[in-house]
Structures are given as structure tokens and as C-alpha cells.
Protein backbone atom coordinates (compact mmCIF):
# COMPACT_ATOMS: atom_id res chain seq x y z
CA MET A 1 0.00 0.00 0.00
CA ARG A 2 1.42 3.37 -1.01
CA PRO A 3 1.87 6.03 1.72
CA LEU A 4 -0.66 8.86 1.82
CA VAL A 5 0.37 12.50 2.06
CA THR A 6 -1.83 15.54 2.38
CA VAL A 7 -2.27 18.35 -0.13
CA THR A 8 -2.29 22.13 0.02
CA PRO A 9 -4.60 23.69 1.02
CA ALA A 10 -4.99 21.06 3.74
CA LEU A 11 -8.70 21.51 4.42
CA THR A 12 -11.37 18.94 5.20
CA THR A 13 -13.24 18.91 1.89
CA THR A 14 -10.13 19.42 -0.22
CA VAL A 15 -8.21 16.50 1.23
CA GLN A 16 -11.22 14.18 1.38
CA SER A 17 -11.83 14.86 -2.32
CA THR A 18 -8.21 13.99 -3.05
CA PHE A 19 -8.57 10.75 -1.08
CA VAL A 20 -11.63 9.63 -3.06
CA THR A 21 -10.41 10.71 -6.53
CA GLY A 22 -6.63 10.48 -6.31
CA GLY A 23 -6.49 13.93 -7.91
CA LEU A 24 -5.02 17.23 -6.78
CA PRO A 25 -7.30 20.19 -5.97
CA ARG A 26 -6.67 21.70 -9.40
CA GLU A 27 -8.00 18.46 -10.90
CA HIS A 28 -11.01 17.62 -8.73
CA GLY A 29 -11.94 21.29 -8.25
CA ILE A 30 -12.39 21.38 -4.45
CA VAL A 31 -9.85 24.08 -3.67
CA ALA A 32 -11.23 24.85 -0.19
CA ASN A 33 -14.22 24.36 2.09
CA GLY A 34 -15.76 27.24 0.16
CA TRP A 35 -14.80 29.48 -2.72
CA TYR A 36 -15.87 32.30 -4.98
CA PHE A 37 -18.47 31.21 -7.55
CA ARG A 38 -17.91 33.49 -10.53
CA ASP A 39 -21.35 32.98 -12.05
CA LEU A 40 -23.03 34.00 -8.77
CA ALA A 41 -20.41 36.58 -7.71
CA GLU A 42 -20.64 35.10 -4.21
CA VAL A 43 -18.56 33.01 -1.84
CA TRP A 44 -20.36 29.80 -0.86
CA LEU A 45 -19.11 27.56 1.93
CA TRP A 46 -19.76 23.90 2.75
CA ARG A 47 -21.76 22.98 -0.35
CA GLN A 48 -22.92 19.36 -0.30
CA SER A 49 -23.52 18.08 -3.83
CA ASN A 50 -21.07 15.39 -4.88
CA ARG A 51 -21.35 16.69 -8.44
CA LEU A 52 -18.95 19.48 -7.51
CA VAL A 53 -16.16 16.90 -7.21
CA GLN A 54 -14.63 16.22 -10.62
CA GLY A 55 -12.98 12.93 -11.56
CA GLU A 56 -13.68 9.25 -11.08
CA LYS A 57 -14.55 8.34 -7.50
CA LEU A 58 -12.94 5.47 -5.63
CA TRP A 59 -16.17 3.48 -5.36
CA ASP A 60 -16.97 3.91 -9.07
CA ALA A 61 -13.53 2.62 -10.03
CA ALA A 62 -13.96 -0.36 -7.68
CA ARG A 63 -17.45 -1.11 -9.02
CA ASN A 64 -16.08 -1.15 -12.58
CA ARG A 65 -13.71 -3.91 -11.51
CA ASP A 66 -16.26 -5.80 -9.41
CA PRO A 67 -19.99 -5.14 -9.98
CA ALA A 68 -20.72 -6.62 -6.53
CA PHE A 69 -18.68 -3.87 -4.81
CA THR A 70 -20.67 -1.53 -2.53
CA CYS A 71 -19.65 1.59 -0.63
CA ALA A 72 -21.12 3.33 2.43
CA LYS A 73 -20.06 6.95 2.84
CA LEU A 74 -20.81 8.35 6.30
CA PHE A 75 -20.15 12.03 6.96
CA TRP A 76 -17.36 12.37 4.43
CA TRP A 77 -18.18 15.64 2.69
CA TYR A 78 -19.88 16.15 -0.69
CA ASN A 79 -22.15 13.26 0.15
CA MET A 80 -25.45 14.35 -1.39
CA TYR A 81 -26.44 12.94 -4.80
CA SER A 82 -23.35 10.76 -4.74
CA SER A 83 -22.98 7.55 -6.72
CA ALA A 84 -22.02 5.72 -3.49
CA ASP A 85 -24.48 2.96 -2.59
CA ILE A 86 -25.15 4.29 0.93
CA ALA A 87 -24.82 7.89 2.12
CA VAL A 88 -25.37 9.63 5.47
CA THR A 89 -24.55 13.32 5.93
CA PRO A 90 -25.74 16.35 7.96
CA ARG A 91 -28.58 18.20 6.26
CA PRO A 92 -30.43 20.77 8.42
CA MET A 93 -34.00 21.75 7.61
CA TYR A 94 -34.83 25.44 7.24
CA PRO A 95 -38.56 26.15 7.79
CA ALA A 96 -40.09 29.36 6.49
CA ASP A 97 -39.95 30.93 9.96
CA GLY A 98 -36.15 31.04 9.86
CA ARG A 99 -35.36 28.17 12.24
CA LYS A 100 -32.54 25.71 11.62
CA LEU A 101 -33.55 22.17 12.58
CA PRO A 102 -31.11 19.27 13.02
CA ASP A 103 -31.51 16.54 10.43
CA ILE A 104 -29.62 14.26 8.06
CA TYR A 105 -29.74 13.29 4.40
CA THR A 106 -29.46 9.61 3.63
CA TYR A 107 -29.47 7.33 0.66
CA PRO A 108 -31.51 5.18 0.60
CA ALA A 109 -34.04 7.68 1.94
CA ASP A 110 -35.60 5.30 4.48
CA LEU A 111 -32.23 4.96 6.22
CA ARG A 112 -32.82 8.43 7.70
CA GLY A 113 -35.80 7.31 9.77
CA GLU A 114 -34.12 4.03 10.64
CA LEU A 115 -30.99 5.70 12.05
CA GLN A 116 -32.74 8.50 13.92
CA GLY A 117 -35.31 6.03 15.24
CA ALA A 118 -32.54 3.85 16.66
CA LEU A 119 -30.07 6.56 17.75
CA GLY A 120 -32.19 9.66 18.28
CA GLN A 121 -32.05 12.88 16.32
CA PHE A 122 -28.64 13.69 14.88
CA PRO A 123 -27.00 16.21 17.27
CA LEU A 124 -26.25 18.84 14.64
CA PHE A 125 -25.36 21.60 17.08
CA ARG A 126 -22.79 19.31 18.70
CA PHE A 127 -21.32 18.66 15.22
CA TRP A 128 -20.36 22.27 14.48
CA GLY A 129 -20.55 25.58 16.30
CA PRO A 130 -19.58 26.59 19.86
CA ALA A 131 -21.18 23.49 21.44
CA ALA A 132 -19.33 20.98 19.20
CA ASP A 133 -18.00 18.02 21.18
CA ILE A 134 -17.67 14.22 21.24
CA VAL A 135 -21.46 13.68 21.20
CA SER A 136 -21.66 14.06 17.41
CA SER A 137 -18.74 11.69 16.74
CA ARG A 138 -20.31 9.10 19.04
CA TRP A 139 -23.56 9.35 17.07
CA ILE A 140 -21.66 8.96 13.80
CA GLY A 141 -19.77 5.96 15.18
CA LYS A 142 -23.01 4.23 16.20
CA ALA A 143 -24.56 5.02 12.82
CA ALA A 144 -21.53 3.51 11.08
CA LEU A 145 -21.82 0.34 13.18
CA HIS A 146 -25.53 0.11 12.36
CA VAL A 147 -24.87 0.42 8.62
CA PHE A 148 -21.90 -1.92 8.65
CA GLU A 149 -23.60 -4.67 10.63
CA LYS A 150 -26.90 -4.50 8.75
CA LEU A 151 -25.82 -3.78 5.16
CA ARG A 152 -22.24 -5.10 5.08
CA PRO A 153 -20.83 -2.71 2.44
CA THR A 154 -17.52 -3.68 0.84
CA LEU A 155 -16.03 -0.29 1.74
CA THR A 156 -17.20 1.89 4.64
CA LEU A 157 -15.91 5.46 4.84
CA VAL A 158 -16.47 7.12 8.23
CA TYR A 159 -15.51 10.67 9.19
CA LEU A 160 -15.19 11.42 12.91
CA PRO A 161 -14.69 15.21 13.27
CA HIS A 162 -14.05 15.44 17.01
CA LEU A 163 -10.35 16.36 17.09
CA ASP A 164 -10.90 19.31 14.78
CA TYR A 165 -12.80 21.26 17.41
CA ASN A 166 -10.50 21.96 20.34
CA LEU A 167 -7.31 21.68 18.30
CA GLN A 168 -8.49 24.76 16.43
CA ARG A 169 -10.13 26.48 19.39
CA LEU A 170 -7.45 25.78 21.99
CA GLY A 171 -4.33 24.63 20.15
CA PRO A 172 -2.42 21.33 20.27
CA ARG A 173 -0.68 22.05 23.59
CA HIS A 174 -3.83 22.68 25.61
CA PRO A 175 -4.35 20.18 28.47
CA ASP A 176 -7.86 19.30 27.22
CA ILE A 177 -6.49 17.76 24.03
CA ALA A 178 -5.39 14.54 25.75
CA ARG A 179 -8.98 14.02 26.91
CA ASP A 180 -10.27 14.64 23.39
CA VAL A 181 -7.86 12.09 21.94
CA ALA A 182 -9.00 9.51 24.49
CA GLN A 183 -12.66 10.19 23.67
CA VAL A 184 -12.30 9.76 19.92
CA ASP A 185 -9.97 6.79 20.45
CA GLU A 186 -12.83 5.04 22.25
CA VAL A 187 -15.18 5.63 19.31
CA CYS A 188 -12.52 4.47 16.83
CA GLY A 189 -11.86 1.40 18.94
CA GLU A 190 -15.48 0.26 18.73
CA LEU A 191 -15.46 0.64 14.94
CA ILE A 192 -12.10 -1.08 14.50
CA ASP A 193 -13.10 -3.99 16.75
CA ALA A 194 -16.32 -4.55 14.77
CA ALA A 195 -14.50 -4.37 11.45
CA GLN A 196 -11.77 -6.77 12.52
CA ARG A 197 -14.29 -9.27 13.90
CA ALA A 198 -15.87 -9.27 10.44
CA GLY A 199 -12.49 -9.80 8.77
CA ALA A 200 -12.36 -6.31 7.26
CA HIS A 201 -9.12 -4.42 6.64
CA VAL A 202 -8.93 -1.11 8.54
CA VAL A 203 -7.20 2.07 7.37
CA ALA A 204 -7.07 5.01 9.80
CA LEU A 205 -6.16 8.34 8.24
CA SER A 206 -6.42 12.09 8.76
CA GLU A 207 -6.72 14.98 6.34
CA TYR A 208 -4.06 17.09 8.08
CA GLY A 209 -2.30 17.88 11.32
CA ILE A 210 -2.72 21.04 13.38
CA THR A 211 0.34 22.82 14.79
CA GLU A 212 1.06 25.95 16.77
CA VAL A 213 1.17 29.22 14.82
CA SER A 214 2.17 32.76 15.68
CA ILE A 215 -0.46 35.38 16.43
CA ARG A 216 0.57 37.44 13.39
CA CYS A 217 -2.00 37.49 10.62
CA THR A 218 -2.42 38.93 7.14
CA SER A 219 -5.45 41.01 6.25
CA ILE A 220 -6.94 39.67 3.02
CA ALA A 221 -8.68 42.98 2.35
CA ARG A 222 -5.41 44.92 2.63
CA CYS A 223 -3.71 42.53 0.22
CA GLY A 224 -6.51 42.67 -2.33
CA ARG A 225 -7.36 46.38 -2.22
CA PRO A 226 -4.20 47.72 -3.98
CA ALA A 227 -4.79 45.31 -6.86
CA GLY A 228 -8.43 46.34 -7.15
CA CYS A 229 -9.61 42.89 -6.04
CA ALA A 230 -11.49 43.97 -2.91
CA CYS A 231 -13.09 46.87 -1.17
CA THR A 232 -14.67 47.14 2.25
CA THR A 233 -17.77 48.77 3.61
CA SER A 234 -19.33 48.90 7.06
CA LEU A 235 -23.00 48.07 7.53
CA ALA A 236 -24.55 47.87 11.01
CA ALA A 237 -21.17 47.16 12.65
CA ILE A 238 -20.48 44.26 10.30
CA CYS A 239 -17.56 44.53 7.91
CA TRP A 240 -17.93 42.83 4.53
CA MET A 241 -15.35 42.29 1.84
CA LEU A 242 -16.79 42.90 -1.62
CA VAL A 243 -15.17 41.29 -4.63
CA PRO A 244 -15.85 42.81 -8.05
CA PRO A 245 -16.89 39.89 -10.34
CA LYS A 246 -14.44 40.88 -13.08
CA ARG A 247 -11.55 41.18 -10.67
CA SER A 248 -11.81 38.04 -8.61
CA PRO A 249 -8.69 37.28 -6.56
CA SER A 250 -6.55 34.19 -6.58
CA PRO A 251 -7.97 30.80 -5.47
CA THR A 252 -6.13 31.12 -2.16
CA ILE A 253 -7.77 34.44 -1.33
CA ARG A 254 -11.15 33.30 -2.63
CA SER A 255 -11.10 30.32 -0.31
CA ARG A 256 -10.69 32.47 2.79
CA MET A 257 -13.26 35.21 2.32
CA CYS A 258 -15.56 35.70 5.25
CA THR A 259 -17.43 38.29 7.27
CA TRP A 260 -16.15 39.57 10.55
CA ARG A 261 -17.31 41.98 13.23
CA ALA A 262 -15.87 45.45 12.84
CA PRO A 263 -13.81 46.77 15.77
CA SER A 264 -15.66 49.09 18.10
């Protein structure tokens, strides 16, 4: 088995897309977790359609060799409308009154009710946001066990996001990180034990590592403004970076655009 190395930019969706296609970001098109869509003149983050990922997918290549091959893809990104046989991914519902309700998208569709009936509602607000913690990874681990034991896919891809949270919030040297590693190790252990009992081969991998950085930062707006790529305006104490459609910046800058609160 050849060694795996990460790519740059080392971001969740970018690296996962490289893992499943074998291509570089310039080939599969997922240059970041979000980017500037020229036809919309907007930055969109965390899109979910698998049709954004260009190139042959791992499970399609395997199915061409063996028509009996099946793949379950759990919480790896770009998981909606995928050609994988089984898919489970976060998909909130947005009622007309503006609420955001936890939910999941699954294929087949009836798997949604089956999983949430057995495990309870997917804990979306423990998956991302300020309350993110081990609860979501435990739910994902149990869902993966349910799918593996009931459907027995040839390949099961499972993404456990837990270590991303505090490593980014607190840094790798924070004393809480050892607890986080132990928590996700327990979830991984249950999955690995089940797979090995069934005679499956296990590969554990990560998209990237997180290291200490200095507190110095570069202002994207200041870099882009002299070249005519960006301008700023203040609306209701929120600062926005506006990108003229005909002067869109480089892929690196496009991938990092965001809104931030203006200093008081």
C-alpha cells in the first residue's frame, strides 16, 4: 500500500476529495471548504452536492472492476447525490420561519428514519458551532456500526470530526487535548473492533495535522485592495469584503473570504 500524504490547502473537503479521486485540488476542483463562484459573484461555503467533485470516485472505479462492490459513505463531505451505494450526511431543515432544525440526508431515503429512530435525532449543534463536542462523533460511530452490521458494504468510509474542534479552538498544547484524543480513540476502537471481527481491513487516516502558529496574521482585504480585487464597507457594525466579479482574486484568497465583526 502506497503512503498517503496531504495536499495544500490542507482543508477537510479538499483532502477528502483527493482521497476519493486520487487527484489534486486543481484536478477535482475542491480548492477549499468554500470558494468564490464566478457565475453568482458570491462566496459559498460547505456545499454538499457530490457533483462538484470532478474525476472518477474510488467506489466507481472499484465497481467497474467488481460489480458486486458496494460503498457506504458516512459524513465524508460532498455526500449528497453521490454515486455511493449508501450515504449519510448532515442536512439541516430550514422552515419558512427562519429556524434551523437538526436533520440528516441519507441514501436510501428510508435509512434516515431508521438511524434517527434507533439513535435519536442527529446532534447537529454538537457537530459544528460553539457546542461541538464528542457527542456528534459518538452518534456517527453508532450510525456507522448500524450500517456496517446490517448492510455489510464492501467499503465503509467514516468521518469522525471530534479532534478538529479543540485543536483549532485551543491549540495542540492545551491540556484538554489529551482528553479529546481519548474520547475519539474510544469511538474508533469500537469501529475497528467490529471491522476486525468481520475480517475487514482497517485504514485510519487524517486529512491534516494542526500545529502551533504565531499570532501574526495577514489582512486579506489589505492585500486585495491595492490590486483592485477587494473593497470594504461597514454596515450595522459588520464589515464585509466585496469582490468585483471581473476582478476576482486568486484561489487562495477566494477560499478564505468571510465576514467579521468590525472593531468598536
